[in-house]
């Protein structure tokens, strides 16, 4: 009596399971590639970073195609996590290499993933600034601090419940802390640099 029904249901869930496993594997690849792209950006290997980002974008499109008929799987969480990492890598690349912030349509990710990835860029920009301080180029970090502050202000604007933007409030809290700490460290570094310049000028006058 139930054989036809169970056969139909089994086939239905088997198709979903295959789609989920395939998409889950590809999502993990996007996460790995995005992490690799961020490392390349920090190493100033921009051509390599661009190639990796393009590859991750192609896989993101493939995931969307695989799960087009399975929205409950698409929004289950693992795709959003992958798109968040992909958005973070793409936004960071565009800021550092092209001095701009790409729109959601350009990255082709869902809005929550874009905002979460944007929030994570704050931490990556702090790392860029700390590297510039270490290289005695603190003044070059001021523009990135302005972008960090701009991102933090933008995140605050999206004061919605976690049911809509899960985890974004926490990203905002972390971003505020990072902006404040980085501002203090950058201010001290620039002050130290100016003091060194004045002392150097004074030494030349005394020679």
N, C-alpha and C. Protein backbone atom coordinates (compact mmCIF):
# COMPACT_ATOMS: atom_id res chain seq x y z
N UNK A 1 0.83 -1.21 0.00
CA UNK A 1 0.00 0.00 0.00
C UNK A 1 0.86 1.26 0.00
N UNK A 2 1.91 1.18 0.74
CA UNK A 2 2.76 2.36 0.87
C UNK A 2 3.96 2.36 -0.08
N UNK A 3 4.11 1.33 -0.84
CA UNK A 3 5.32 1.18 -1.64
C UNK A 3 5.50 2.32 -2.64
N UNK A 4 4.43 2.71 -3.33
CA UNK A 4 4.54 3.78 -4.33
C UNK A 4 4.84 5.12 -3.66
N UNK A 5 4.14 5.34 -2.50
CA UNK A 5 4.35 6.61 -1.79
C UNK A 5 5.78 6.70 -1.27
N UNK A 6 6.22 5.62 -0.64
CA UNK A 6 7.58 5.63 -0.08
C UNK A 6 8.64 5.74 -1.17
N UNK A 7 8.37 5.12 -2.32
CA UNK A 7 9.33 5.20 -3.42
C UNK A 7 9.44 6.64 -3.92
N UNK A 8 8.30 7.32 -4.02
CA UNK A 8 8.31 8.71 -4.47
C UNK A 8 9.02 9.60 -3.47
N UNK A 9 8.72 9.39 -2.17
CA UNK A 9 9.36 10.19 -1.13
C UNK A 9 10.87 9.94 -1.08
N UNK A 10 11.23 8.68 -1.22
CA UNK A 10 12.66 8.33 -1.18
C UNK A 10 13.43 9.02 -2.31
N UNK A 11 12.83 8.99 -3.48
CA UNK A 11 13.47 9.63 -4.63
C UNK A 11 13.58 11.14 -4.40
N UNK A 12 12.52 11.71 -3.83
CA UNK A 12 12.51 13.15 -3.54
C UNK A 12 13.67 13.53 -2.62
N UNK A 13 13.83 12.78 -1.53
CA UNK A 13 14.88 13.12 -0.56
C UNK A 13 16.27 12.71 -1.04
N UNK A 14 16.31 11.70 -1.89
CA UNK A 14 17.60 11.30 -2.43
C UNK A 14 18.16 12.40 -3.33
N UNK A 15 17.29 13.00 -4.12
CA UNK A 15 17.72 14.11 -4.99
C UNK A 15 18.22 15.27 -4.14
N UNK A 16 17.49 15.58 -3.06
CA UNK A 16 17.89 16.67 -2.17
C UNK A 16 19.23 16.37 -1.51
N UNK A 17 19.40 15.12 -1.10
CA UNK A 17 20.64 14.75 -0.41
C UNK A 17 21.84 14.88 -1.34
N UNK A 18 21.67 14.48 -2.58
CA UNK A 18 22.77 14.61 -3.55
C UNK A 18 23.10 16.08 -3.78
N UNK A 19 22.05 16.89 -3.92
CA UNK A 19 22.27 18.33 -4.14
C UNK A 19 22.96 18.96 -2.94
N UNK A 20 22.54 18.56 -1.73
CA UNK A 20 23.13 19.12 -0.51
C UNK A 20 24.61 18.75 -0.39
N UNK A 21 24.91 17.49 -0.61
CA UNK A 21 26.30 17.04 -0.48
C UNK A 21 27.20 17.75 -1.48
N UNK A 22 26.71 17.90 -2.71
CA UNK A 22 27.49 18.57 -3.74
C UNK A 22 27.71 20.03 -3.39
N UNK A 23 26.63 20.72 -2.99
CA UNK A 23 26.72 22.14 -2.65
C UNK A 23 27.57 22.37 -1.41
N UNK A 24 27.45 21.45 -0.44
CA UNK A 24 28.23 21.58 0.80
C UNK A 24 29.73 21.48 0.50
N UNK A 25 30.09 20.54 -0.35
CA UNK A 25 31.50 20.37 -0.73
C UNK A 25 32.01 21.62 -1.45
N UNK A 26 31.20 22.15 -2.36
CA UNK A 26 31.61 23.35 -3.09
C UNK A 26 31.68 24.56 -2.15
N UNK A 27 30.78 24.65 -1.18
CA UNK A 27 30.80 25.76 -0.23
C UNK A 27 32.10 25.75 0.58
N UNK A 28 32.53 24.58 0.97
CA UNK A 28 33.80 24.47 1.70
C UNK A 28 34.96 24.93 0.83
N UNK A 29 34.87 24.64 -0.46
CA UNK A 29 35.92 25.08 -1.39
C UNK A 29 35.93 26.60 -1.49
N UNK A 30 34.75 27.21 -1.52
CA UNK A 30 34.67 28.68 -1.58
C UNK A 30 35.29 29.29 -0.33
N UNK A 31 35.02 28.71 0.84
CA UNK A 31 35.60 29.21 2.09
C UNK A 31 37.13 29.12 2.03
N UNK A 32 37.62 27.97 1.56
CA UNK A 32 39.08 27.78 1.48
C UNK A 32 39.71 28.74 0.49
N UNK A 33 39.10 28.92 -0.66
CA UNK A 33 39.63 29.83 -1.67
C UNK A 33 39.60 31.27 -1.17
N UNK A 34 38.54 31.65 -0.50
CA UNK A 34 38.42 33.02 0.00
C UNK A 34 39.50 33.31 1.02
N UNK A 35 39.75 32.35 1.90
CA UNK A 35 40.83 32.51 2.89
C UNK A 35 42.17 32.65 2.20
N UNK A 36 42.39 31.86 1.15
CA UNK A 36 43.64 31.92 0.39
C UNK A 36 43.78 33.27 -0.31
N UNK A 37 42.67 33.79 -0.84
CA UNK A 37 42.69 35.10 -1.52
C UNK A 37 43.07 36.21 -0.54
N UNK A 38 42.54 36.15 0.68
CA UNK A 38 42.85 37.17 1.69
C UNK A 38 44.34 37.13 2.04
N UNK A 39 44.87 35.93 2.16
CA UNK A 39 46.32 35.82 2.44
C UNK A 39 47.13 36.44 1.31
N UNK A 40 46.73 36.19 0.07
CA UNK A 40 47.44 36.76 -1.08
C UNK A 40 47.34 38.28 -1.09
N UNK A 41 46.19 38.81 -0.70
CA UNK A 41 46.03 40.28 -0.66
C UNK A 41 46.99 40.88 0.36
N UNK A 42 47.08 40.27 1.53
CA UNK A 42 48.00 40.79 2.55
C UNK A 42 49.46 40.67 2.11
N UNK A 43 49.73 39.70 1.25
CA UNK A 43 51.11 39.55 0.73
C UNK A 43 51.33 40.39 -0.52
N UNK A 44 50.30 41.18 -0.90
CA UNK A 44 50.34 42.04 -2.10
C UNK A 44 50.52 41.23 -3.38
N UNK A 45 50.03 40.01 -3.38
CA UNK A 45 50.03 39.16 -4.58
C UNK A 45 48.65 39.31 -5.24
N UNK A 46 48.43 40.50 -5.82
CA UNK A 46 47.08 40.85 -6.26
C UNK A 46 46.60 40.06 -7.48
N UNK A 47 47.51 39.75 -8.40
CA UNK A 47 47.08 38.94 -9.56
C UNK A 47 46.61 37.56 -9.11
N UNK A 48 47.36 36.98 -8.18
CA UNK A 48 46.98 35.66 -7.65
C UNK A 48 45.66 35.74 -6.91
N UNK A 49 45.51 36.81 -6.11
CA UNK A 49 44.26 36.99 -5.36
C UNK A 49 43.07 37.12 -6.29
N UNK A 50 43.26 37.87 -7.38
CA UNK A 50 42.17 38.07 -8.34
C UNK A 50 41.75 36.75 -8.98
N UNK A 51 42.74 35.95 -9.38
CA UNK A 51 42.43 34.65 -9.99
C UNK A 51 41.65 33.76 -9.02
N UNK A 52 42.05 33.77 -7.76
CA UNK A 52 41.37 32.94 -6.76
C UNK A 52 39.94 33.41 -6.54
N UNK A 53 39.77 34.74 -6.50
CA UNK A 53 38.43 35.31 -6.29
C UNK A 53 37.51 34.95 -7.46
N UNK A 54 38.05 35.02 -8.67
CA UNK A 54 37.26 34.66 -9.86
C UNK A 54 36.84 33.19 -9.77
N UNK A 55 37.77 32.33 -9.37
CA UNK A 55 37.46 30.90 -9.23
C UNK A 55 36.37 30.68 -8.18
N UNK A 56 36.50 31.38 -7.05
CA UNK A 56 35.48 31.24 -5.98
C UNK A 56 34.13 31.76 -6.46
N UNK A 57 34.14 32.83 -7.26
CA UNK A 57 32.88 33.37 -7.78
C UNK A 57 32.20 32.40 -8.72
N UNK A 58 32.99 31.72 -9.53
CA UNK A 58 32.43 30.72 -10.45
C UNK A 58 31.77 29.58 -9.67
N UNK A 59 32.43 29.16 -8.60
CA UNK A 59 31.86 28.08 -7.78
C UNK A 59 30.60 28.55 -7.06
N UNK A 60 30.60 29.82 -6.62
CA UNK A 60 29.40 30.38 -5.98
C UNK A 60 28.21 30.33 -6.94
N UNK A 61 28.47 30.66 -8.21
CA UNK A 61 27.40 30.59 -9.22
C UNK A 61 26.93 29.15 -9.40
N UNK A 62 27.87 28.20 -9.37
CA UNK A 62 27.51 26.79 -9.53
C UNK A 62 26.64 26.31 -8.36
N UNK A 63 26.98 26.77 -7.15
CA UNK A 63 26.17 26.40 -5.97
C UNK A 63 24.74 26.90 -6.13
N UNK A 64 24.63 28.14 -6.60
CA UNK A 64 23.29 28.71 -6.80
C UNK A 64 22.48 27.88 -7.79
N UNK A 65 23.15 27.42 -8.84
CA UNK A 65 22.47 26.61 -9.85
C UNK A 65 22.04 25.26 -9.28
N UNK A 66 22.93 24.64 -8.50
CA UNK A 66 22.62 23.32 -7.93
C UNK A 66 21.43 23.39 -6.98
N UNK A 67 21.35 24.49 -6.22
CA UNK A 67 20.30 24.60 -5.19
C UNK A 67 19.12 25.47 -5.64
N UNK A 68 19.04 25.74 -6.95
CA UNK A 68 17.96 26.60 -7.45
C UNK A 68 16.57 26.04 -7.13
N UNK A 69 16.46 24.71 -7.14
CA UNK A 69 15.16 24.08 -6.84
C UNK A 69 15.06 23.62 -5.40
N UNK A 70 16.03 24.02 -4.58
CA UNK A 70 16.04 23.60 -3.17
C UNK A 70 16.33 24.80 -2.25
N UNK A 71 15.40 25.77 -2.21
CA UNK A 71 15.66 26.98 -1.42
C UNK A 71 15.90 26.70 0.06
N UNK A 72 15.27 25.64 0.61
CA UNK A 72 15.46 25.34 2.03
C UNK A 72 16.91 24.94 2.30
N UNK A 73 17.58 24.35 1.31
CA UNK A 73 19.00 24.01 1.46
C UNK A 73 19.88 25.23 1.21
N UNK A 74 19.47 26.05 0.25
CA UNK A 74 20.24 27.26 -0.07
C UNK A 74 20.33 28.19 1.14
N UNK A 75 19.22 28.25 1.90
CA UNK A 75 19.20 29.14 3.06
C UNK A 75 19.43 28.38 4.38
N UNK A 76 20.00 27.19 4.30
CA UNK A 76 20.23 26.40 5.52
C UNK A 76 21.38 26.93 6.36
N UNK A 77 22.26 27.75 5.76
CA UNK A 77 23.35 28.34 6.53
C UNK A 77 24.72 28.16 5.93
N UNK A 78 25.01 26.98 5.36
CA UNK A 78 26.37 26.73 4.87
C UNK A 78 26.70 27.55 3.62
N UNK A 79 25.68 27.85 2.80
CA UNK A 79 25.93 28.69 1.63
C UNK A 79 26.19 30.14 2.07
N UNK A 80 25.42 30.59 3.05
CA UNK A 80 25.62 31.96 3.55
C UNK A 80 27.02 32.13 4.13
N UNK A 81 27.49 31.10 4.85
CA UNK A 81 28.83 31.15 5.42
C UNK A 81 29.89 31.28 4.32
N UNK A 82 29.72 30.50 3.25
CA UNK A 82 30.66 30.56 2.13
C UNK A 82 30.59 31.92 1.44
N UNK A 83 29.37 32.42 1.23
CA UNK A 83 29.23 33.72 0.56
C UNK A 83 29.78 34.84 1.43
N UNK A 84 29.67 34.70 2.75
CA UNK A 84 30.23 35.70 3.66
C UNK A 84 31.74 35.79 3.48
N UNK A 85 32.40 34.64 3.44
CA UNK A 85 33.85 34.62 3.26
C UNK A 85 34.24 35.16 1.89
N UNK A 86 33.44 34.79 0.88
CA UNK A 86 33.71 35.26 -0.49
C UNK A 86 33.53 36.77 -0.58
N UNK A 87 32.49 37.30 0.06
CA UNK A 87 32.26 38.75 0.07
C UNK A 87 33.41 39.46 0.77
N UNK A 88 33.86 38.91 1.89
CA UNK A 88 34.98 39.52 2.64
C UNK A 88 36.22 39.63 1.75
N UNK A 89 36.57 38.55 1.07
CA UNK A 89 37.76 38.55 0.22
C UNK A 89 37.61 39.53 -0.94
N UNK A 90 36.44 39.55 -1.55
CA UNK A 90 36.22 40.43 -2.72
C UNK A 90 36.24 41.90 -2.31
N UNK A 91 35.56 42.23 -1.21
CA UNK A 91 35.51 43.62 -0.74
C UNK A 91 36.92 44.08 -0.35
N UNK A 92 37.65 43.23 0.36
CA UNK A 92 39.01 43.61 0.77
C UNK A 92 39.89 43.84 -0.46
N UNK A 93 39.77 42.96 -1.45
CA UNK A 93 40.56 43.12 -2.68
C UNK A 93 40.25 44.46 -3.35
N UNK A 94 38.98 44.79 -3.47
CA UNK A 94 38.58 46.03 -4.15
C UNK A 94 39.04 47.26 -3.37
N UNK A 95 39.00 47.20 -2.04
CA UNK A 95 39.44 48.35 -1.24
C UNK A 95 40.94 48.56 -1.40
N UNK A 96 41.71 47.49 -1.26
CA UNK A 96 43.16 47.62 -1.27
C UNK A 96 43.69 47.87 -2.68
N UNK A 97 43.15 47.18 -3.66
CA UNK A 97 43.72 47.23 -5.01
C UNK A 97 43.02 48.22 -5.93
N UNK A 98 41.74 48.54 -5.64
CA UNK A 98 40.99 49.40 -6.56
C UNK A 98 40.39 50.62 -5.86
N UNK A 99 40.61 50.74 -4.57
CA UNK A 99 40.15 51.89 -3.79
C UNK A 99 38.64 52.11 -3.92
N UNK A 100 37.88 51.03 -3.83
CA UNK A 100 36.42 51.12 -3.91
C UNK A 100 35.79 49.95 -3.18
N UNK A 101 34.50 50.08 -2.89
CA UNK A 101 33.76 48.98 -2.25
C UNK A 101 32.70 48.48 -3.23
N UNK A 102 32.77 47.22 -3.64
CA UNK A 102 31.82 46.69 -4.63
C UNK A 102 30.42 46.53 -4.04
N UNK A 103 29.42 46.59 -4.93
CA UNK A 103 28.02 46.41 -4.52
C UNK A 103 27.71 44.91 -4.42
N UNK A 104 26.56 44.62 -3.80
CA UNK A 104 26.14 43.22 -3.65
C UNK A 104 25.95 42.53 -5.00
N UNK A 105 25.40 43.28 -5.97
CA UNK A 105 25.12 42.68 -7.28
C UNK A 105 26.41 42.27 -7.98
N UNK A 106 27.48 43.00 -7.74
CA UNK A 106 28.76 42.67 -8.37
C UNK A 106 29.34 41.37 -7.81
N UNK A 107 29.15 41.18 -6.49
CA UNK A 107 29.70 39.98 -5.85
C UNK A 107 28.75 38.80 -6.03
N UNK A 108 27.46 39.10 -6.21
CA UNK A 108 26.45 38.06 -6.43
C UNK A 108 26.29 37.15 -5.21
N UNK A 109 26.13 37.80 -4.05
CA UNK A 109 25.83 37.06 -2.82
C UNK A 109 24.57 37.65 -2.20
N UNK A 110 24.00 36.92 -1.25
CA UNK A 110 22.79 37.41 -0.57
C UNK A 110 23.17 38.58 0.34
N UNK A 111 22.19 39.46 0.57
CA UNK A 111 22.44 40.68 1.35
C UNK A 111 23.00 40.40 2.75
N UNK A 112 22.45 39.43 3.52
CA UNK A 112 23.03 39.17 4.85
C UNK A 112 24.49 38.74 4.77
N UNK A 113 24.83 37.91 3.78
CA UNK A 113 26.21 37.46 3.63
C UNK A 113 27.12 38.63 3.29
N UNK A 114 26.63 39.54 2.47
CA UNK A 114 27.41 40.73 2.10
C UNK A 114 27.72 41.56 3.35
N UNK A 115 26.69 41.83 4.17
CA UNK A 115 26.88 42.66 5.36
C UNK A 115 27.82 41.98 6.36
N UNK A 116 27.67 40.67 6.52
CA UNK A 116 28.56 39.95 7.45
C UNK A 116 30.00 39.97 6.94
N UNK A 117 30.16 39.79 5.64
CA UNK A 117 31.51 39.85 5.06
C UNK A 117 32.09 41.24 5.19
N UNK A 118 31.25 42.25 4.98
CA UNK A 118 31.68 43.64 5.14
C UNK A 118 32.18 43.88 6.56
N UNK A 119 31.46 43.34 7.54
CA UNK A 119 31.87 43.49 8.93
C UNK A 119 33.23 42.86 9.19
N UNK A 120 33.49 41.73 8.58
CA UNK A 120 34.78 41.05 8.78
C UNK A 120 35.94 41.81 8.12
N UNK A 121 35.63 42.63 7.12
CA UNK A 121 36.68 43.40 6.46
C UNK A 121 37.35 44.37 7.44
N UNK A 122 36.61 44.79 8.46
CA UNK A 122 37.16 45.72 9.46
C UNK A 122 38.42 45.11 10.09
N UNK A 123 38.36 43.86 10.45
CA UNK A 123 39.51 43.19 11.06
C UNK A 123 40.68 43.06 10.10
N UNK A 124 40.37 42.81 8.82
CA UNK A 124 41.44 42.70 7.82
C UNK A 124 42.10 44.05 7.58
N UNK A 125 41.31 45.14 7.60
CA UNK A 125 41.89 46.47 7.41
C UNK A 125 42.75 46.85 8.61
N UNK A 126 42.35 46.40 9.80
CA UNK A 126 43.21 46.65 10.98
C UNK A 126 44.57 45.99 10.77
N UNK A 127 44.55 44.77 10.22
CA UNK A 127 45.82 44.08 9.96
C UNK A 127 46.67 44.86 8.95
N UNK A 128 46.02 45.43 7.93
CA UNK A 128 46.73 46.25 6.93
C UNK A 128 47.39 47.45 7.61
N UNK A 129 46.65 48.10 8.50
CA UNK A 129 47.18 49.28 9.20
C UNK A 129 48.34 48.91 10.11
N UNK A 130 48.22 47.81 10.82
CA UNK A 130 49.31 47.38 11.70
C UNK A 130 50.57 47.07 10.90
N UNK A 131 50.39 46.50 9.69
CA UNK A 131 51.55 46.24 8.83
C UNK A 131 52.20 47.55 8.41
N UNK A 132 51.38 48.57 8.10
CA UNK A 132 51.92 49.87 7.69
C UNK A 132 52.66 50.54 8.86
N UNK A 133 52.13 50.39 10.06
CA UNK A 133 52.82 50.93 11.25
C UNK A 133 54.17 50.24 11.41
N UNK A 134 54.16 48.94 11.23
CA UNK A 134 55.41 48.17 11.37
C UNK A 134 56.44 48.59 10.33
N UNK A 135 55.97 49.04 9.15
CA UNK A 135 56.87 49.48 8.07
C UNK A 135 57.18 50.97 8.15
N UNK A 136 56.81 51.60 9.28
CA UNK A 136 57.02 53.06 9.46
C UNK A 136 56.29 53.88 8.41
N UNK A 137 55.09 53.42 8.02
CA UNK A 137 54.25 54.17 7.08
C UNK A 137 52.86 54.39 7.68
N UNK A 138 52.78 54.90 8.91
CA UNK A 138 51.47 55.00 9.57
C UNK A 138 50.50 55.94 8.89
N UNK A 139 51.02 57.02 8.27
CA UNK A 139 50.09 57.98 7.64
C UNK A 139 49.30 57.33 6.50
N UNK A 140 49.88 56.30 5.85
CA UNK A 140 49.16 55.60 4.78
C UNK A 140 47.98 54.80 5.32
N UNK A 141 47.98 54.58 6.63
CA UNK A 141 46.89 53.82 7.23
C UNK A 141 45.66 54.64 7.54
N UNK A 142 45.78 55.98 7.45
CA UNK A 142 44.64 56.84 7.82
C UNK A 142 43.42 56.59 6.92
N UNK A 143 43.66 56.40 5.62
CA UNK A 143 42.52 56.19 4.72
C UNK A 143 41.81 54.87 5.04
N UNK A 144 42.57 53.87 5.48
CA UNK A 144 41.94 52.59 5.82
C UNK A 144 41.17 52.69 7.15
N UNK A 145 41.67 53.54 8.07
CA UNK A 145 40.93 53.76 9.31
C UNK A 145 39.60 54.44 9.00
N UNK A 146 39.60 55.39 8.06
CA UNK A 146 38.35 56.06 7.65
C UNK A 146 37.35 55.03 7.09
N UNK A 147 37.86 54.08 6.30
CA UNK A 147 36.98 53.05 5.73
C UNK A 147 36.45 52.13 6.83
N UNK A 148 37.32 51.77 7.80
CA UNK A 148 36.88 50.95 8.94
C UNK A 148 35.74 51.65 9.67
N UNK A 149 35.91 52.95 9.91
CA UNK A 149 34.89 53.72 10.62
C UNK A 149 33.60 53.79 9.81
N UNK A 150 33.74 53.94 8.50
CA UNK A 150 32.58 54.01 7.61
C UNK A 150 31.81 52.68 7.62
N UNK A 151 32.55 51.58 7.59
CA UNK A 151 31.90 50.26 7.62
C UNK A 151 31.18 50.07 8.95
N UNK A 152 31.84 50.44 10.05
CA UNK A 152 31.22 50.31 11.37
C UNK A 152 29.92 51.11 11.44
N UNK A 153 29.96 52.35 10.95
CA UNK A 153 28.75 53.20 10.96
C UNK A 153 27.64 52.58 10.11
N UNK A 154 28.03 51.99 8.99
CA UNK A 154 27.05 51.36 8.10
C UNK A 154 26.38 50.16 8.79
N UNK A 155 27.20 49.35 9.46
CA UNK A 155 26.66 48.17 10.14
C UNK A 155 25.67 48.59 11.23
N UNK A 156 25.99 49.67 11.95
CA UNK A 156 25.09 50.15 13.01
C UNK A 156 23.72 50.51 12.46
N UNK A 157 23.71 50.98 11.21
CA UNK A 157 22.46 51.39 10.58
C UNK A 157 21.48 50.22 10.46
N UNK A 158 22.00 49.01 10.31
CA UNK A 158 21.15 47.82 10.13
C UNK A 158 20.83 47.18 11.48
N UNK A 159 20.06 47.90 12.28
CA UNK A 159 19.70 47.43 13.62
C UNK A 159 18.42 46.60 13.55
N UNK A 160 18.58 45.38 13.01
CA UNK A 160 17.44 44.48 12.86
C UNK A 160 17.64 43.25 13.75
N UNK A 161 16.54 42.56 14.05
CA UNK A 161 16.64 41.35 14.88
C UNK A 161 17.53 40.29 14.23
N UNK A 162 18.07 39.40 15.07
CA UNK A 162 18.92 38.32 14.57
C UNK A 162 18.17 37.40 13.60
N UNK A 163 16.85 37.39 13.70
CA UNK A 163 16.07 36.56 12.78
C UNK A 163 16.26 37.01 11.33
N UNK A 164 16.58 38.31 11.14
CA UNK A 164 16.80 38.84 9.80
C UNK A 164 18.29 38.90 9.46
N UNK A 165 19.09 39.36 10.41
CA UNK A 165 20.53 39.51 10.18
C UNK A 165 21.27 38.89 11.35
N UNK A 166 21.32 37.57 11.34
CA UNK A 166 21.91 36.82 12.44
C UNK A 166 23.40 37.13 12.61
N UNK A 167 23.75 37.63 13.80
CA UNK A 167 25.15 37.86 14.12
C UNK A 167 25.70 39.22 13.75
N UNK A 168 24.90 40.05 13.06
CA UNK A 168 25.44 41.33 12.60
C UNK A 168 25.68 42.30 13.77
N UNK A 169 24.82 42.24 14.79
CA UNK A 169 25.03 43.11 15.96
C UNK A 169 26.38 42.82 16.61
N UNK A 170 26.71 41.54 16.71
CA UNK A 170 28.00 41.17 17.29
C UNK A 170 29.15 41.67 16.42
N UNK A 171 28.95 41.59 15.10
CA UNK A 171 29.97 42.13 14.18
C UNK A 171 30.17 43.62 14.45
N UNK A 172 29.07 44.33 14.69
CA UNK A 172 29.14 45.76 14.97
C UNK A 172 29.91 46.04 16.25
N UNK A 173 29.66 45.23 17.29
CA UNK A 173 30.38 45.41 18.57
C UNK A 173 31.88 45.18 18.37
N UNK A 174 32.21 44.13 17.63
CA UNK A 174 33.62 43.82 17.37
C UNK A 174 34.26 44.94 16.54
N UNK A 175 33.52 45.41 15.53
CA UNK A 175 34.04 46.48 14.67
C UNK A 175 34.32 47.74 15.47
N UNK A 176 33.41 48.10 16.39
CA UNK A 176 33.61 49.30 17.22
C UNK A 176 34.89 49.16 18.04
N UNK A 177 35.09 48.01 18.64
CA UNK A 177 36.29 47.78 19.44
C UNK A 177 37.56 47.88 18.58
N UNK A 178 37.51 47.29 17.38
CA UNK A 178 38.69 47.32 16.50
C UNK A 178 38.98 48.73 16.01
N UNK A 179 37.93 49.48 15.68
CA UNK A 179 38.14 50.86 15.21
C UNK A 179 38.77 51.70 16.32
N UNK A 180 38.26 51.58 17.54
CA UNK A 180 38.79 52.38 18.65
C UNK A 180 40.25 52.03 18.95
N UNK A 181 40.54 50.73 19.00
CA UNK A 181 41.93 50.30 19.28
C UNK A 181 42.87 50.75 18.17
N UNK A 182 42.43 50.58 16.93
CA UNK A 182 43.29 50.94 15.79
C UNK A 182 43.51 52.45 15.74
N UNK A 183 42.46 53.23 16.06
CA UNK A 183 42.60 54.69 16.05
C UNK A 183 43.67 55.12 17.05
N UNK A 184 43.64 54.54 18.23
CA UNK A 184 44.62 54.88 19.26
C UNK A 184 46.03 54.50 18.84
N UNK A 185 46.18 53.30 18.29
CA UNK A 185 47.51 52.84 17.88
C UNK A 185 48.05 53.65 16.70
N UNK A 186 47.16 54.00 15.78
CA UNK A 186 47.59 54.78 14.61
C UNK A 186 47.96 56.20 15.03
N UNK A 187 47.19 56.77 15.94
CA UNK A 187 47.49 58.12 16.44
C UNK A 187 48.86 58.14 17.12
N UNK A 188 49.13 57.16 17.94
CA UNK A 188 50.43 57.08 18.62
C UNK A 188 51.57 56.92 17.60
N UNK A 189 51.35 56.08 16.60
CA UNK A 189 52.39 55.83 15.59
C UNK A 189 52.68 57.08 14.77
N UNK A 190 51.63 57.81 14.39
CA UNK A 190 51.84 59.03 13.61
C UNK A 190 52.54 60.10 14.46
N UNK A 191 52.14 60.19 15.73
CA UNK A 191 52.81 61.13 16.64
C UNK A 191 54.28 60.80 16.80
N UNK A 192 54.57 59.52 16.90
CA UNK A 192 55.96 59.08 17.03
C UNK A 192 56.76 59.40 15.76
N UNK A 193 56.12 59.22 14.61
CA UNK A 193 56.79 59.52 13.35
C UNK A 193 57.11 61.01 13.24
N UNK A 194 56.15 61.85 13.62
CA UNK A 194 56.37 63.31 13.56
C UNK A 194 57.50 63.72 14.51
N UNK A 195 57.54 63.10 15.68
CA UNK A 195 58.61 63.40 16.64
C UNK A 195 59.97 63.04 16.07
N UNK A 196 60.03 61.87 15.37
CA UNK A 196 61.30 61.46 14.75
C UNK A 196 61.73 62.46 13.68
N UNK A 197 60.77 62.96 12.91
CA UNK A 197 61.09 63.93 11.85
C UNK A 197 61.64 65.21 12.45
N UNK A 198 61.02 65.68 13.56
CA UNK A 198 61.47 66.92 14.19
C UNK A 198 62.87 66.75 14.79
N UNK A 199 63.11 65.59 15.39
CA UNK A 199 64.42 65.34 15.97
C UNK A 199 65.49 65.26 14.89
N UNK A 200 65.13 64.68 13.74
CA UNK A 200 66.06 64.58 12.62
C UNK A 200 66.38 65.97 12.09
N UNK A 201 65.36 66.83 11.99
CA UNK A 201 65.57 68.20 11.51
C UNK A 201 66.46 68.97 12.49
N UNK A 202 66.23 68.74 13.79
CA UNK A 202 67.02 69.43 14.81
C UNK A 202 68.49 69.00 14.76
N UNK A 203 68.71 67.69 14.55
CA UNK A 203 70.08 67.18 14.45
C UNK A 203 70.81 67.79 13.27
N UNK A 204 70.10 67.96 12.15
CA UNK A 204 70.72 68.56 10.95
C UNK A 204 71.11 70.01 11.21
N UNK A 205 70.27 70.73 11.95
CA UNK A 205 70.58 72.13 12.26
C UNK A 205 71.78 72.25 13.19
N UNK A 206 71.96 71.27 14.06
CA UNK A 206 73.06 71.31 15.03
C UNK A 206 74.38 70.87 14.44
N UNK A 207 74.32 70.22 13.24
CA UNK A 207 75.56 69.72 12.63
C UNK A 207 76.40 70.87 12.06
